[in-house]
Protein backbone atom coordinates (compact mmCIF):
# COMPACT_ATOMS: atom_id res chain seq x y z
CA UNK A 1 83.89 43.30 -50.16
CA UNK A 2 85.54 40.27 -48.59
CA UNK A 3 86.40 42.46 -45.43
CA UNK A 4 82.83 43.51 -45.50
CA UNK A 5 81.68 40.07 -45.41
CA UNK A 6 84.30 38.91 -42.63
CA UNK A 7 83.06 41.89 -40.76
CA UNK A 8 79.29 40.72 -41.12
CA UNK A 9 80.44 37.18 -39.80
CA UNK A 10 82.20 38.43 -36.73
CA UNK A 11 79.24 40.30 -35.81
CA UNK A 12 76.95 37.70 -36.15
CA UNK A 13 79.28 35.54 -34.16
CA UNK A 14 79.72 38.21 -31.37
CA UNK A 15 75.93 38.47 -31.13
CA UNK A 16 75.54 34.65 -30.80
CA UNK A 17 78.15 34.60 -28.21
CA UNK A 18 76.61 37.77 -26.36
CA UNK A 19 73.19 35.93 -26.63
CA UNK A 20 74.70 32.74 -25.08
CA UNK A 21 76.32 34.73 -22.32
CA UNK A 22 73.35 36.47 -21.45
CA UNK A 23 71.29 33.63 -21.34
CA UNK A 24 73.07 31.96 -18.89
CA UNK A 25 73.27 34.75 -16.45
CA UNK A 26 69.79 35.07 -16.66
CA UNK A 27 68.50 31.54 -16.49
CA UNK A 28 70.92 30.90 -13.54
CA UNK A 29 69.24 33.95 -11.85
CA UNK A 30 65.56 33.57 -12.61
CA UNK A 31 65.20 29.58 -13.98
CA UNK A 32 64.23 28.54 -16.94
CA UNK A 33 60.77 29.69 -16.49
CA UNK A 34 61.53 33.08 -14.76
CA UNK A 35 63.79 34.09 -17.75
CA UNK A 36 62.22 35.89 -20.62
CA UNK A 37 63.41 35.77 -24.23
CA UNK A 38 62.51 39.61 -23.81
CA UNK A 39 64.90 40.19 -20.94
CA UNK A 40 67.62 38.05 -22.22
CA UNK A 41 67.67 40.09 -25.78
CA UNK A 42 67.56 43.16 -23.43
CA UNK A 43 70.53 41.92 -21.30
CA UNK A 44 72.41 40.80 -24.51
CA UNK A 45 71.82 44.48 -26.10
CA UNK A 46 70.42 42.69 -29.45
CA UNK A 47 66.80 42.58 -30.76
CA UNK A 48 64.32 39.96 -29.61
CA UNK A 49 64.17 38.71 -33.02
CA UNK A 50 67.63 37.59 -33.31
CA UNK A 51 67.05 35.15 -30.72
CA UNK A 52 64.03 33.64 -32.22
CA UNK A 53 66.11 33.79 -35.73
CA UNK A 54 69.10 31.85 -34.02
CA UNK A 55 67.13 29.80 -31.36
CA UNK A 56 63.61 29.37 -32.51
CA UNK A 57 62.42 29.18 -29.00
CA UNK A 58 63.21 29.67 -25.31
CA UNK A 59 63.98 25.79 -24.98
CA UNK A 60 66.37 26.08 -28.26
CA UNK A 61 68.20 28.98 -26.63
CA UNK A 62 68.59 27.03 -23.34
CA UNK A 63 69.57 23.89 -24.98
CA UNK A 64 71.97 26.04 -26.99
CA UNK A 65 73.49 27.69 -24.13
CA UNK A 66 73.88 24.62 -22.07
CA UNK A 67 75.40 22.43 -24.86
CA UNK A 68 77.84 25.32 -25.72
CA UNK A 69 79.14 25.48 -22.35
CA UNK A 70 79.13 21.83 -21.31
CA UNK A 71 80.72 21.15 -24.86
CA UNK A 72 83.61 23.58 -23.75
CA UNK A 73 84.13 21.89 -20.37
CA UNK A 74 83.91 18.17 -22.00
CA UNK A 75 86.43 19.12 -24.54
CA UNK A 76 88.95 19.91 -21.72
CA UNK A 77 88.33 17.14 -19.91
CA UNK A 78 88.75 14.64 -22.72
CA UNK A 79 91.73 16.36 -24.07
CA UNK A 80 93.48 16.09 -20.42
CA UNK A 81 92.20 12.15 -20.16
CA UNK A 82 93.57 11.68 -23.55
CA UNK A 83 96.81 13.06 -22.45
CA UNK A 84 96.91 11.03 -19.40
CA UNK A 85 95.94 7.75 -20.72
CA UNK A 86 98.67 8.21 -23.30
CA UNK A 87 101.40 8.23 -20.77
CA UNK A 88 100.09 4.64 -19.31
CA UNK A 89 97.90 3.81 -16.25
CA UNK A 90 96.98 6.63 -14.39
CA UNK A 91 96.53 7.38 -10.89
CA UNK A 92 93.18 7.76 -9.11
CA UNK A 93 94.21 11.29 -8.09
CA UNK A 94 95.17 12.26 -11.79
CA UNK A 95 91.64 11.05 -13.15
CA UNK A 96 89.52 12.96 -10.52
CA UNK A 97 91.75 16.21 -11.12
CA UNK A 98 91.56 15.90 -14.69
CA UNK A 99 87.52 15.52 -14.36
CA UNK A 100 86.94 18.39 -11.99
CA UNK A 101 89.68 20.88 -12.91
CA UNK A 102 87.84 22.23 -15.99
CA UNK A 103 84.82 22.57 -14.24
CA UNK A 104 86.06 24.18 -11.08
CA UNK A 105 88.13 26.88 -13.11
CA UNK A 106 84.93 27.73 -14.92
CA UNK A 107 83.22 27.98 -11.69
CA UNK A 108 86.06 30.16 -10.18
CA UNK A 109 86.10 32.52 -13.53
CA UNK A 110 85.55 35.99 -12.43
CA UNK A 111 84.06 37.09 -16.04
CA UNK A 112 81.46 34.17 -15.44
CA UNK A 113 80.60 34.11 -11.68
CA UNK A 114 80.24 30.62 -11.79
CA UNK A 115 76.89 30.87 -12.97
CA UNK A 116 76.94 27.47 -15.02
CA UNK A 117 77.06 25.37 -11.78
CA UNK A 118 73.79 26.37 -10.42
CA UNK A 119 72.61 25.31 -14.20
CA UNK A 120 74.08 21.89 -13.99
CA UNK A 121 72.33 21.34 -10.62
CA UNK A 122 69.10 22.91 -11.19
CA UNK A 123 68.78 20.93 -14.85
CA UNK A 124 70.01 17.61 -13.55
CA UNK A 125 67.49 17.86 -10.90
CA UNK A 126 64.68 18.70 -13.15
CA UNK A 127 61.69 16.51 -13.88
CA UNK A 128 61.45 17.68 -17.49
CA UNK A 129 62.25 15.14 -20.11
CA UNK A 130 63.75 17.77 -22.46
CA UNK A 131 66.04 18.50 -19.71
CA UNK A 132 66.86 14.95 -18.34
CA UNK A 133 67.69 14.62 -22.29
CA UNK A 134 69.99 17.40 -22.32
CA UNK A 135 72.04 15.94 -19.51
CA UNK A 136 72.45 12.55 -21.08
CA UNK A 137 73.41 14.32 -24.51
CA UNK A 138 75.71 16.67 -22.90
CA UNK A 139 77.39 14.12 -20.20
CA UNK A 140 76.93 10.47 -20.29
CA UNK A 141 79.21 9.72 -23.34
CA UNK A 142 82.25 12.05 -21.25
CA UNK A 143 81.16 10.25 -18.05
CA UNK A 144 81.59 6.75 -19.34
CA UNK A 145 85.23 7.26 -20.36
CA UNK A 146 85.78 8.80 -16.82
CA UNK A 147 83.98 5.86 -15.33
CA UNK A 148 86.30 3.28 -17.08
CA UNK A 149 89.30 5.55 -16.53
CA UNK A 150 88.48 5.02 -12.76
CA UNK A 151 88.16 1.55 -13.33
CA UNK A 152 91.63 1.54 -15.05
CA UNK A 153 93.36 3.41 -12.32
CA UNK A 154 91.98 1.05 -9.33
CA UNK A 155 92.17 -2.38 -10.79
CA UNK A 156 89.16 -4.46 -9.02
CA UNK A 157 86.91 -1.55 -8.83
CA UNK A 158 83.56 -2.90 -10.46
CA UNK A 159 81.61 -0.94 -12.97
CA UNK A 160 79.00 -0.40 -10.41
CA UNK A 161 81.24 1.29 -7.85
CA UNK A 162 83.04 3.21 -10.43
CA UNK A 163 79.65 4.53 -11.61
CA UNK A 164 78.65 5.60 -8.06
CA UNK A 165 82.07 6.88 -7.38
CA UNK A 166 81.85 9.30 -10.40
CA UNK A 167 78.31 10.54 -9.22
CA UNK A 168 79.53 11.25 -6.16
CA UNK A 169 82.76 13.13 -6.91
CA UNK A 170 80.72 14.91 -9.66
CA UNK A 171 78.01 15.83 -7.23
CA UNK A 172 80.18 16.96 -4.35
CA UNK A 173 82.36 19.09 -6.53
CA UNK A 174 79.22 20.76 -7.97
CA UNK A 175 78.35 21.92 -4.86
CA UNK A 176 81.52 23.62 -4.70
CA UNK A 177 82.19 24.84 -8.02
CA UNK A 178 81.76 28.33 -7.75
CA UNK A 179 83.09 30.13 -4.44
CA UNK A 180 80.37 30.94 -1.79
CA UNK A 181 82.50 32.24 1.09
CA UNK A 182 80.92 29.31 3.29
CA UNK A 183 84.22 27.54 3.69
CA UNK A 184 85.54 30.80 4.64
CA UNK A 185 83.00 31.32 7.27
CA UNK A 186 82.88 27.81 8.74
CA UNK A 187 86.78 27.63 8.94
CA UNK A 188 86.78 30.96 10.25
CA UNK A 189 89.16 32.22 7.99
CA UNK A 190 91.70 29.09 8.26
CA UNK A 191 90.79 28.32 4.51
CA UNK A 192 89.15 29.64 1.26
CA UNK A 193 86.89 28.56 -1.39
CA UNK A 194 87.74 31.65 -3.51
CA UNK A 195 91.12 29.86 -4.21
CA UNK A 196 90.57 27.00 -7.02
CA UNK A 197 93.56 25.07 -5.88
CA UNK A 198 93.15 24.91 -2.55
CA UNK A 199 89.44 23.84 -3.76
CA UNK A 200 91.13 21.20 -5.94
CA UNK A 201 93.79 19.99 -3.53
CA UNK A 202 91.14 19.17 -0.62
CA UNK A 203 88.89 17.80 -2.85
CA UNK A 204 91.03 15.34 -4.90
CA UNK A 205 92.49 14.14 -1.75
CA UNK A 206 89.25 13.32 -0.51
CA UNK A 207 87.47 11.72 -3.52
CA UNK A 208 90.62 9.65 -4.13
CA UNK A 209 90.28 8.14 -0.43
CA UNK A 210 86.41 7.38 -1.30
CA UNK A 211 87.33 5.79 -4.45
CA UNK A 212 89.86 3.35 -3.07
CA UNK A 213 87.58 2.74 -0.12
CA UNK A 214 84.83 1.72 -2.58
CA UNK A 215 87.53 -0.65 -4.41
CA UNK A 216 88.40 -2.21 -0.95
CA UNK A 217 84.88 -3.12 0.18
CA UNK A 218 82.77 -5.77 -0.71
CA UNK A 219 80.06 -5.91 -3.54
CA UNK A 220 76.62 -4.99 -1.83
CA UNK A 221 73.70 -6.98 -2.30
CA UNK A 222 72.04 -6.13 -5.62
CA UNK A 223 75.23 -5.04 -7.39
CA UNK A 224 77.13 -7.00 -10.37
CA UNK A 225 80.39 -8.25 -9.21
CA UNK A 226 83.57 -7.09 -9.79
CA UNK A 227 84.73 -7.04 -13.58
């Protein structure tokens, strides 16, 4: 009896995971409006009724998928941040690597195909209030902790500059989160975007230099003075 119940629970968990995986693939490929609940159910190999049972609506399914993926990445980010801060004041390179590594590695996972990167970009650019709220709910608390860590790593960096630096780093990294082959083409084979370690090495060096330049520059008119 116990074994049978465990099997049922395992089956339900598997079905939910399969649905979230299928939803991620189709939302990334067709967009929120273009992916239907019927197509997602077919992709997951489950009855459409199961989607409505678990998530009620397409918005509910998208929110569950987004929260699941962002939550997994942010748990890794925060674990790395906590371990780093426990050792003392971090270098800015360490902070940036801890922030970007989980995202880049997820984007280079062959099993995932880098689909979540495109979803973050499209959701972040959405004019829909519920999608804007999803970005805020999923990322703002984690972002504020990393902004504070950037200020710790670079004494004198104002909250305004740390915030802009965080946004610049995240924005540039998202466009390169998953391999596209463009770096290979533009460099005529001198480098590749298919290797996550190569990408991280360059982006961390570039972003750290930018953060240090921000810290050294004067405050522009309209921003609060350095903390």
